[in-house]
Every structure is written in structure tokens, then in C-alpha cells.
Amino acid sequence: MDAERKLVDCLLARLDEAYEGSPGHAFKSVVQGLSEDEAAWTPQGYRHPWGLDGSSLAIIIHLGTVSVMMHDRIFGSGQLSREDVLARFEADGADLAAALRLAETGYRALRGELDALCDDELNRTCAFSKGWTMTLEQFFARMVEHHLYHAGQLQYVRTLNGGKA
């Protein structure tokens, strides 16, 4: 009998929808047509605990960096640092196109790992952060939330700047 994949398929559908499927709410639809100037625009008074400047570019870089790092932490060596990912981004041009490639790389890596699982494997515990564990099901649900949160953030920044609504 084939392994069950109902939950995996549901999580795949949600991840795909959050990244590229929803016409008004997905990451890719929100960044469609974004220019370099628009991406660099910073909302006045923006404060972020990790020092992000609030620009669309910073948000896209953050989304891609976290996706790549979390993929490495959960499924790879766990040695990849934020600085390592940002160095790759810099070497790739450090522009909007490089940021979008970084986000795509992170999404594709996460999607590939999820697609290789069956439902029973989603119960496996993983080390999400120092001292913080969760199941793979919780991890992938969190990654869907992360994509949706930042897609909404990008939409908001663009409308503040008079861009795409």
C-alpha cells in the first residue's frame, strides 16, 4: 500500500499558493512588476528588531535567507549562517533580481523536501532553533505562514509608496 500523502499534498498546495498561486496574496503576484527603485524605497519610521529597513528589497532578501537557512538547518548540515547566504546574494549581484532568485531558491528547496515526504514523516521532530523543536508538519505550516506574512508586508509597503494595490 502506498504511504498516505493527504496532509503532505495539503501543505504542498498551501506552500504553492503562498508563493505563487494566489493572484492577490502570493509572494510572486505581489512582487510582479516591482522596479529596482520601488524595491529600494524605505517607509519612513519603520522599525524592525533585526535591523531590516522595511524596503521591499530587504523583505525579499529576508524571506529568501530564512527559507534557505531553515532548509539547511532541518534537512542539511545546519552549518549555513545568515552571513553565508548574504555573501552568496552579494556574489549574485546584490540587486532585486538576485533577491528574487534567492527567494525562489529557498522556496524550491523547501518544496522539494516536502514533496519527498509522506504523512507519517510529518510527525518527525526537528530542531527549529536553539532549544526550540517542532514537528515537520509544524515547520512546513510555519514556512507557509512566513511566505504569506511577508507577501502581505510587501503589498503594504508597495501601497505606501503609491505602487501596486
N, C-alpha and C. Protein backbone atom coordinates (compact mmCIF):
# COMPACT_ATOMS: atom_id res chain seq x y z
N MET A 1 0.85 -1.19 0.00
CA MET A 1 0.00 0.00 0.00
C MET A 1 0.90 1.26 0.00
N ASP A 2 0.53 2.22 -0.81
CA ASP A 2 1.28 3.48 -0.87
C ASP A 2 1.10 4.25 0.44
N ALA A 3 2.14 4.98 0.80
CA ALA A 3 2.07 5.80 2.01
C ALA A 3 1.08 6.94 1.78
N GLU A 4 0.39 7.29 2.84
CA GLU A 4 -0.56 8.40 2.79
C GLU A 4 0.15 9.72 2.53
N ARG A 5 -0.47 10.58 1.71
CA ARG A 5 0.09 11.89 1.41
C ARG A 5 -0.97 12.98 1.43
N LYS A 6 -2.06 12.74 2.10
CA LYS A 6 -3.12 13.75 2.12
C LYS A 6 -2.65 15.05 2.78
N LEU A 7 -2.00 14.93 3.92
CA LEU A 7 -1.52 16.13 4.62
C LEU A 7 -0.35 16.76 3.87
N VAL A 8 0.55 15.93 3.36
CA VAL A 8 1.66 16.47 2.56
C VAL A 8 1.12 17.24 1.37
N ASP A 9 0.16 16.65 0.67
CA ASP A 9 -0.41 17.32 -0.50
C ASP A 9 -1.11 18.62 -0.12
N CYS A 10 -1.76 18.63 1.04
CA CYS A 10 -2.41 19.86 1.51
C CYS A 10 -1.35 20.93 1.81
N LEU A 11 -0.28 20.54 2.51
CA LEU A 11 0.78 21.51 2.81
C LEU A 11 1.47 21.99 1.53
N LEU A 12 1.66 21.09 0.57
CA LEU A 12 2.24 21.50 -0.72
C LEU A 12 1.35 22.53 -1.40
N ALA A 13 0.05 22.27 -1.40
CA ALA A 13 -0.88 23.21 -2.03
C ALA A 13 -0.84 24.57 -1.34
N ARG A 14 -0.76 24.57 -0.02
CA ARG A 14 -0.70 25.83 0.73
C ARG A 14 0.60 26.57 0.46
N LEU A 15 1.73 25.83 0.43
CA LEU A 15 3.02 26.46 0.16
C LEU A 15 3.04 27.05 -1.25
N ASP A 16 2.54 26.29 -2.21
CA ASP A 16 2.48 26.78 -3.59
C ASP A 16 1.59 28.01 -3.70
N GLU A 17 0.45 27.97 -3.02
CA GLU A 17 -0.48 29.10 -3.06
C GLU A 17 0.17 30.34 -2.44
N ALA A 18 0.88 30.15 -1.33
CA ALA A 18 1.52 31.28 -0.65
C ALA A 18 2.65 31.87 -1.48
N TYR A 19 3.33 31.04 -2.25
CA TYR A 19 4.47 31.53 -3.02
C TYR A 19 4.07 32.05 -4.39
N GLU A 20 3.20 31.30 -5.09
CA GLU A 20 2.93 31.68 -6.48
C GLU A 20 1.50 31.47 -6.95
N GLY A 21 0.63 30.93 -6.11
CA GLY A 21 -0.68 30.53 -6.60
C GLY A 21 -1.79 31.54 -6.46
N SER A 22 -1.80 32.26 -5.37
CA SER A 22 -2.90 33.19 -5.13
C SER A 22 -2.67 34.48 -5.91
N PRO A 23 -3.63 34.86 -6.78
CA PRO A 23 -3.41 36.04 -7.63
C PRO A 23 -3.20 37.34 -6.86
N GLY A 24 -3.79 37.50 -5.70
CA GLY A 24 -3.65 38.76 -5.00
C GLY A 24 -2.81 38.71 -3.74
N HIS A 25 -2.51 37.49 -3.28
CA HIS A 25 -1.87 37.37 -1.98
C HIS A 25 -0.55 36.62 -2.00
N ALA A 26 -0.21 35.96 -3.06
CA ALA A 26 1.02 35.18 -3.13
C ALA A 26 2.23 36.09 -3.33
N PHE A 27 3.35 35.63 -2.83
CA PHE A 27 4.61 36.37 -2.95
C PHE A 27 4.87 36.81 -4.39
N LYS A 28 4.81 35.88 -5.33
CA LYS A 28 5.16 36.23 -6.71
C LYS A 28 4.19 37.23 -7.33
N SER A 29 2.92 37.16 -6.97
CA SER A 29 1.99 38.14 -7.54
C SER A 29 2.23 39.52 -6.94
N VAL A 30 2.63 39.57 -5.69
CA VAL A 30 2.87 40.85 -5.01
C VAL A 30 4.12 41.54 -5.55
N VAL A 31 5.15 40.76 -5.93
CA VAL A 31 6.39 41.38 -6.42
C VAL A 31 6.38 41.57 -7.94
N GLN A 32 5.34 41.11 -8.60
CA GLN A 32 5.26 41.27 -10.06
C GLN A 32 5.33 42.75 -10.44
N GLY A 33 6.23 43.07 -11.34
CA GLY A 33 6.37 44.43 -11.82
C GLY A 33 7.14 45.36 -10.89
N LEU A 34 7.65 44.85 -9.80
CA LEU A 34 8.42 45.66 -8.86
C LEU A 34 9.70 46.15 -9.53
N SER A 35 9.95 47.45 -9.46
CA SER A 35 11.16 48.01 -10.06
C SER A 35 12.26 48.09 -9.02
N GLU A 36 13.49 48.29 -9.48
CA GLU A 36 14.63 48.46 -8.55
C GLU A 36 14.39 49.65 -7.63
N ASP A 37 13.91 50.77 -8.19
CA ASP A 37 13.67 51.96 -7.37
C ASP A 37 12.57 51.70 -6.33
N GLU A 38 11.50 51.05 -6.77
CA GLU A 38 10.41 50.75 -5.85
C GLU A 38 10.89 49.78 -4.77
N ALA A 39 11.70 48.82 -5.15
CA ALA A 39 12.21 47.83 -4.19
C ALA A 39 13.11 48.47 -3.14
N ALA A 40 13.80 49.52 -3.52
CA ALA A 40 14.75 50.19 -2.61
C ALA A 40 14.06 51.19 -1.68
N TRP A 41 12.83 51.61 -2.01
CA TRP A 41 12.15 52.60 -1.21
C TRP A 41 11.92 52.10 0.22
N THR A 42 12.20 52.96 1.19
CA THR A 42 12.08 52.61 2.61
C THR A 42 10.98 53.44 3.25
N PRO A 43 10.02 52.79 3.90
CA PRO A 43 8.98 53.53 4.59
C PRO A 43 9.56 54.33 5.76
N GLN A 44 9.14 55.55 5.88
CA GLN A 44 9.62 56.43 6.94
C GLN A 44 9.18 55.89 8.31
N GLY A 45 10.10 55.89 9.26
CA GLY A 45 9.78 55.48 10.62
C GLY A 45 9.71 53.99 10.85
N TYR A 46 10.07 53.19 9.86
CA TYR A 46 9.99 51.73 10.01
C TYR A 46 11.01 51.26 11.04
N ARG A 47 10.58 50.38 11.94
CA ARG A 47 11.48 49.80 12.94
C ARG A 47 11.34 48.28 12.90
N HIS A 48 12.44 47.59 12.89
CA HIS A 48 12.43 46.14 12.90
C HIS A 48 13.47 45.65 13.90
N PRO A 49 13.14 44.65 14.70
CA PRO A 49 14.08 44.21 15.73
C PRO A 49 15.40 43.65 15.19
N TRP A 50 15.43 43.21 13.94
CA TRP A 50 16.66 42.65 13.38
C TRP A 50 17.37 43.61 12.44
N GLY A 51 16.93 44.86 12.43
CA GLY A 51 17.62 45.86 11.64
C GLY A 51 17.22 45.95 10.19
N LEU A 52 16.16 45.26 9.76
CA LEU A 52 15.70 45.40 8.39
C LEU A 52 15.17 46.82 8.19
N ASP A 53 15.40 47.38 7.01
CA ASP A 53 15.00 48.77 6.79
C ASP A 53 13.56 48.93 6.30
N GLY A 54 12.86 47.85 6.07
CA GLY A 54 11.46 47.94 5.65
C GLY A 54 11.25 48.05 4.16
N SER A 55 12.34 48.11 3.41
CA SER A 55 12.19 48.17 1.95
C SER A 55 11.73 46.80 1.43
N SER A 56 11.12 46.82 0.26
CA SER A 56 10.72 45.57 -0.37
C SER A 56 11.94 44.69 -0.60
N LEU A 57 13.04 45.29 -0.99
CA LEU A 57 14.26 44.52 -1.22
C LEU A 57 14.69 43.79 0.05
N ALA A 58 14.70 44.49 1.18
CA ALA A 58 15.10 43.86 2.45
C ALA A 58 14.15 42.72 2.84
N ILE A 59 12.87 42.91 2.60
CA ILE A 59 11.88 41.88 2.92
C ILE A 59 12.09 40.65 2.05
N ILE A 60 12.35 40.84 0.76
CA ILE A 60 12.57 39.72 -0.16
C ILE A 60 13.85 38.98 0.23
N ILE A 61 14.90 39.73 0.52
CA ILE A 61 16.16 39.10 0.95
C ILE A 61 15.92 38.29 2.23
N HIS A 62 15.20 38.86 3.18
CA HIS A 62 14.91 38.16 4.43
C HIS A 62 14.14 36.86 4.16
N LEU A 63 13.11 36.92 3.35
CA LEU A 63 12.31 35.73 3.06
C LEU A 63 13.19 34.64 2.45
N GLY A 64 13.99 35.00 1.47
CA GLY A 64 14.87 34.02 0.84
C GLY A 64 15.92 33.49 1.79
N THR A 65 16.53 34.37 2.56
CA THR A 65 17.57 33.96 3.51
C THR A 65 17.03 32.98 4.54
N VAL A 66 15.90 33.30 5.12
CA VAL A 66 15.32 32.41 6.13
C VAL A 66 14.94 31.07 5.51
N SER A 67 14.37 31.08 4.32
CA SER A 67 13.99 29.82 3.67
C SER A 67 15.21 28.94 3.40
N VAL A 68 16.27 29.54 2.88
CA VAL A 68 17.49 28.79 2.60
C VAL A 68 18.13 28.28 3.89
N MET A 69 18.22 29.14 4.89
CA MET A 69 18.82 28.74 6.16
C MET A 69 18.00 27.66 6.87
N MET A 70 16.69 27.79 6.88
CA MET A 70 15.86 26.79 7.54
C MET A 70 15.92 25.46 6.79
N HIS A 71 16.00 25.51 5.48
CA HIS A 71 16.18 24.27 4.71
C HIS A 71 17.46 23.58 5.15
N ASP A 72 18.54 24.35 5.25
CA ASP A 72 19.81 23.77 5.67
C ASP A 72 19.74 23.26 7.11
N ARG A 73 19.09 24.00 7.98
CA ARG A 73 19.01 23.60 9.38
C ARG A 73 18.22 22.30 9.55
N ILE A 74 17.12 22.16 8.83
CA ILE A 74 16.25 21.00 9.01
C ILE A 74 16.71 19.81 8.16
N PHE A 75 17.17 20.07 6.94
CA PHE A 75 17.46 18.98 6.01
C PHE A 75 18.92 18.88 5.57
N GLY A 76 19.73 19.83 5.94
CA GLY A 76 21.12 19.85 5.51
C GLY A 76 22.08 19.69 6.66
N SER A 77 23.21 20.34 6.54
CA SER A 77 24.26 20.23 7.56
C SER A 77 23.98 21.09 8.79
N GLY A 78 23.14 22.10 8.64
CA GLY A 78 22.86 23.00 9.75
C GLY A 78 23.96 24.01 9.99
N GLN A 79 24.89 24.10 9.08
CA GLN A 79 26.05 24.97 9.26
C GLN A 79 25.92 26.32 8.54
N LEU A 80 24.93 26.45 7.68
CA LEU A 80 24.79 27.65 6.88
C LEU A 80 24.35 28.83 7.75
N SER A 81 25.10 29.91 7.72
CA SER A 81 24.76 31.09 8.51
C SER A 81 24.09 32.14 7.63
N ARG A 82 23.51 33.12 8.28
CA ARG A 82 22.91 34.26 7.58
C ARG A 82 23.98 34.95 6.73
N GLU A 83 25.17 35.09 7.29
CA GLU A 83 26.28 35.72 6.58
C GLU A 83 26.66 34.93 5.32
N ASP A 84 26.63 33.59 5.41
CA ASP A 84 26.92 32.75 4.24
C ASP A 84 25.92 33.01 3.12
N VAL A 85 24.65 33.05 3.49
CA VAL A 85 23.60 33.28 2.49
C VAL A 85 23.72 34.68 1.90
N LEU A 86 23.96 35.67 2.75
CA LEU A 86 24.10 37.04 2.25
C LEU A 86 25.33 37.20 1.37
N ALA A 87 26.40 36.47 1.66
CA ALA A 87 27.59 36.51 0.80
C ALA A 87 27.26 35.95 -0.59
N ARG A 88 26.46 34.90 -0.64
CA ARG A 88 26.03 34.36 -1.94
C ARG A 88 25.17 35.38 -2.69
N PHE A 89 24.29 36.04 -1.95
CA PHE A 89 23.44 37.08 -2.53
C PHE A 89 24.31 38.20 -3.12
N GLU A 90 25.29 38.63 -2.37
CA GLU A 90 26.22 39.68 -2.84
C GLU A 90 26.93 39.23 -4.11
N ALA A 91 27.42 38.00 -4.11
CA ALA A 91 28.14 37.47 -5.27
C ALA A 91 27.23 37.32 -6.49
N ASP A 92 25.92 37.20 -6.24
CA ASP A 92 24.95 37.05 -7.33
C ASP A 92 24.47 38.39 -7.88
N GLY A 93 25.01 39.49 -7.37
CA GLY A 93 24.66 40.80 -7.91
C GLY A 93 24.05 41.75 -6.90
N ALA A 94 23.57 41.24 -5.79
CA ALA A 94 23.01 42.07 -4.71
C ALA A 94 21.96 43.06 -5.19
N ASP A 95 21.15 42.65 -6.14
CA ASP A 95 20.10 43.52 -6.65
C ASP A 95 18.75 42.81 -6.52
N LEU A 96 17.71 43.44 -7.04
CA LEU A 96 16.37 42.87 -6.96
C LEU A 96 16.31 41.50 -7.62
N ALA A 97 16.91 41.34 -8.78
CA ALA A 97 16.89 40.05 -9.47
C ALA A 97 17.55 38.97 -8.61
N ALA A 98 18.66 39.32 -7.95
CA ALA A 98 19.34 38.35 -7.08
C ALA A 98 18.48 38.01 -5.87
N ALA A 99 17.77 39.00 -5.33
CA ALA A 99 16.89 38.76 -4.19
C ALA A 99 15.74 37.83 -4.58
N LEU A 100 15.18 38.06 -5.76
CA LEU A 100 14.09 37.19 -6.24
C LEU A 100 14.60 35.77 -6.50
N ARG A 101 15.82 35.64 -7.00
CA ARG A 101 16.41 34.30 -7.19
C ARG A 101 16.63 33.61 -5.84
N LEU A 102 17.05 34.37 -4.85
CA LEU A 102 17.25 33.82 -3.51
C LEU A 102 15.92 33.30 -2.94
N ALA A 103 14.87 34.08 -3.08
CA ALA A 103 13.55 33.65 -2.60
C ALA A 103 13.09 32.40 -3.34
N GLU A 104 13.32 32.36 -4.63
CA GLU A 104 12.95 31.18 -5.43
C GLU A 104 13.74 29.96 -5.00
N THR A 105 15.03 30.13 -4.76
CA THR A 105 15.88 29.02 -4.32
C THR A 105 15.37 28.45 -3.00
N GLY A 106 15.05 29.33 -2.06
CA GLY A 106 14.54 28.87 -0.78
C GLY A 106 13.22 28.15 -0.90
N TYR A 107 12.32 28.70 -1.67
CA TYR A 107 11.01 28.08 -1.88
C TYR A 107 11.16 26.71 -2.54
N ARG A 108 11.95 26.64 -3.60
CA ARG A 108 12.13 25.36 -4.32
C ARG A 108 12.77 24.29 -3.42
N ALA A 109 13.72 24.69 -2.58
CA ALA A 109 14.37 23.74 -1.67
C ALA A 109 13.35 23.20 -0.67
N LEU A 110 12.58 24.08 -0.06
CA LEU A 110 11.57 23.65 0.90
C LEU A 110 10.52 22.77 0.23
N ARG A 111 10.06 23.19 -0.94
CA ARG A 111 9.04 22.43 -1.64
C ARG A 111 9.54 21.03 -1.99
N GLY A 112 10.77 20.94 -2.44
CA GLY A 112 11.34 19.64 -2.81
C GLY A 112 11.40 18.69 -1.62
N GLU A 113 11.78 19.20 -0.47
CA GLU A 113 11.83 18.34 0.73
C GLU A 113 10.43 17.89 1.13
N LEU A 114 9.48 18.81 1.12
CA LEU A 114 8.12 18.46 1.49
C LEU A 114 7.54 17.44 0.53
N ASP A 115 7.77 17.62 -0.75
CA ASP A 115 7.22 16.71 -1.75
C ASP A 115 7.79 15.29 -1.63
N ALA A 116 8.93 15.14 -1.01
CA ALA A 116 9.55 13.82 -0.85
C ALA A 116 9.03 13.06 0.37
N LEU A 117 8.19 13.69 1.17
CA LEU A 117 7.71 13.09 2.41
C LEU A 117 6.37 12.40 2.24
N CYS A 118 6.04 11.55 3.21
CA CYS A 118 4.68 11.03 3.34
C CYS A 118 4.14 11.53 4.67
N ASP A 119 2.85 11.39 4.89
CA ASP A 119 2.21 11.96 6.07
C ASP A 119 2.85 11.50 7.38
N ASP A 120 3.19 10.21 7.49
CA ASP A 120 3.80 9.71 8.73
C ASP A 120 5.09 10.44 9.08
N GLU A 121 5.84 10.84 8.08
CA GLU A 121 7.11 11.52 8.32
C GLU A 121 6.93 12.93 8.87
N LEU A 122 5.76 13.50 8.68
CA LEU A 122 5.50 14.85 9.18
C LEU A 122 5.46 14.91 10.71
N ASN A 123 5.39 13.75 11.36
CA ASN A 123 5.41 13.69 12.82
C ASN A 123 6.82 13.76 13.39
N ARG A 124 7.82 13.65 12.52
CA ARG A 124 9.21 13.68 12.97
C ARG A 124 9.53 15.05 13.59
N THR A 125 10.25 15.02 14.68
CA THR A 125 10.64 16.25 15.37
C THR A 125 11.92 16.79 14.76
N CYS A 126 11.98 18.10 14.62
CA CYS A 126 13.17 18.75 14.09
C CYS A 126 13.55 19.91 15.01
N ALA A 127 14.83 20.27 14.99
CA ALA A 127 15.32 21.40 15.79
C ALA A 127 15.15 22.66 14.97
N PHE A 128 14.13 23.43 15.29
CA PHE A 128 13.82 24.65 14.54
C PHE A 128 14.79 25.76 14.86
N SER A 129 15.10 25.90 16.12
CA SER A 129 16.01 26.94 16.58
C SER A 129 16.64 26.45 17.87
N LYS A 130 17.57 27.20 18.40
CA LYS A 130 18.24 26.79 19.64
C LYS A 130 17.20 26.52 20.74
N GLY A 131 17.13 25.26 21.15
CA GLY A 131 16.22 24.88 22.21
C GLY A 131 14.75 24.82 21.81
N TRP A 132 14.45 24.97 20.54
CA TRP A 132 13.06 25.00 20.09
C TRP A 132 12.86 23.90 19.06
N THR A 133 12.03 22.93 19.37
CA THR A 133 11.75 21.86 18.43
C THR A 133 10.29 21.91 18.01
N MET A 134 10.03 21.30 16.89
CA MET A 134 8.66 21.18 16.38
C MET A 134 8.63 20.00 15.43
N THR A 135 7.43 19.59 15.04
CA THR A 135 7.31 18.53 14.06
C THR A 135 7.53 19.11 12.66
N LEU A 136 7.81 18.24 11.71
CA LEU A 136 7.94 18.72 10.33
C LEU A 136 6.62 19.33 9.85
N GLU A 137 5.50 18.80 10.28
CA GLU A 137 4.22 19.41 9.92
C GLU A 137 4.15 20.85 10.41
N GLN A 138 4.54 21.08 11.66
CA GLN A 138 4.55 22.43 12.21
C GLN A 138 5.55 23.32 11.47
N PHE A 139 6.70 22.76 11.14
CA PHE A 139 7.72 23.52 10.42
C PHE A 139 7.19 24.00 9.07
N PHE A 140 6.61 23.08 8.29
CA PHE A 140 6.12 23.49 6.96
C PHE A 140 4.94 24.45 7.07
N ALA A 141 4.09 24.27 8.07
CA ALA A 141 2.99 25.23 8.29
C ALA A 141 3.58 26.61 8.60
N ARG A 142 4.65 26.64 9.38
CA ARG A 142 5.31 27.90 9.72
C ARG A 142 5.90 28.55 8.47
N MET A 143 6.46 27.75 7.58
CA MET A 143 7.05 28.31 6.35
C MET A 143 5.96 28.88 5.44
N VAL A 144 4.79 28.24 5.40
CA VAL A 144 3.66 28.80 4.66
C VAL A 144 3.28 30.15 5.26
N GLU A 145 3.16 30.20 6.59
CA GLU A 145 2.83 31.45 7.28
C GLU A 145 3.87 32.53 6.98
N HIS A 146 5.14 32.14 6.97
CA HIS A 146 6.22 33.09 6.73
C HIS A 146 6.08 33.72 5.35
N HIS A 147 5.79 32.91 4.34
CA HIS A 147 5.61 33.44 2.98
C HIS A 147 4.41 34.37 2.91
N LEU A 148 3.30 33.96 3.53
CA LEU A 148 2.10 34.80 3.49
C LEU A 148 2.30 36.11 4.25
N TYR A 149 2.93 36.04 5.40
CA TYR A 149 3.19 37.24 6.19
C TYR A 149 3.99 38.25 5.37
N HIS A 150 5.07 37.79 4.76
CA HIS A 150 5.92 38.73 4.03
C HIS A 150 5.30 39.18 2.71
N ALA A 151 4.46 38.36 2.11
CA ALA A 151 3.72 38.82 0.92
C ALA A 151 2.80 39.97 1.31
N GLY A 152 2.13 39.84 2.45
CA GLY A 152 1.28 40.93 2.93
C GLY A 152 2.08 42.17 3.27
N GLN A 153 3.23 41.98 3.87
CA GLN A 153 4.11 43.09 4.20
C GLN A 153 4.56 43.82 2.92
N LEU A 154 4.93 43.04 1.91
CA LEU A 154 5.35 43.63 0.64
C LEU A 154 4.22 44.42 -0.01
N GLN A 155 3.02 43.87 0.03
CA GLN A 155 1.86 44.56 -0.54
C GLN A 155 1.64 45.90 0.18
N TYR A 156 1.77 45.88 1.49
CA TYR A 156 1.58 47.09 2.27
C TYR A 156 2.63 48.14 1.94
N VAL A 157 3.89 47.73 1.87
CA VAL A 157 4.97 48.68 1.55
C VAL A 157 4.74 49.26 0.16
N ARG A 158 4.34 48.42 -0.79
CA ARG A 158 4.11 48.93 -2.15
C ARG A 158 2.98 49.95 -2.17
N THR A 159 1.91 49.72 -1.43
CA THR A 159 0.82 50.69 -1.43
C THR A 159 1.20 51.97 -0.70
N LEU A 160 2.02 51.87 0.34
CA LEU A 160 2.52 53.08 0.99
C LEU A 160 3.31 53.96 0.04
N ASN A 161 4.01 53.30 -0.89
CA ASN A 161 4.83 54.02 -1.86
C ASN A 161 4.03 54.40 -3.11
N GLY A 162 2.73 54.17 -3.08
CA GLY A 162 1.89 54.54 -4.22
C GLY A 162 1.94 53.53 -5.36
N GLY A 163 2.41 52.33 -5.06
CA GLY A 163 2.53 51.31 -6.10
C GLY A 163 1.34 50.38 -6.17
N LYS A 164 1.62 49.19 -6.60
CA LYS A 164 0.61 48.15 -6.84
C LYS A 164 -0.31 47.96 -5.64
N ALA A 165 -1.60 47.97 -5.90
CA ALA A 165 -2.58 47.73 -4.81
C ALA A 165 -3.22 46.37 -4.98
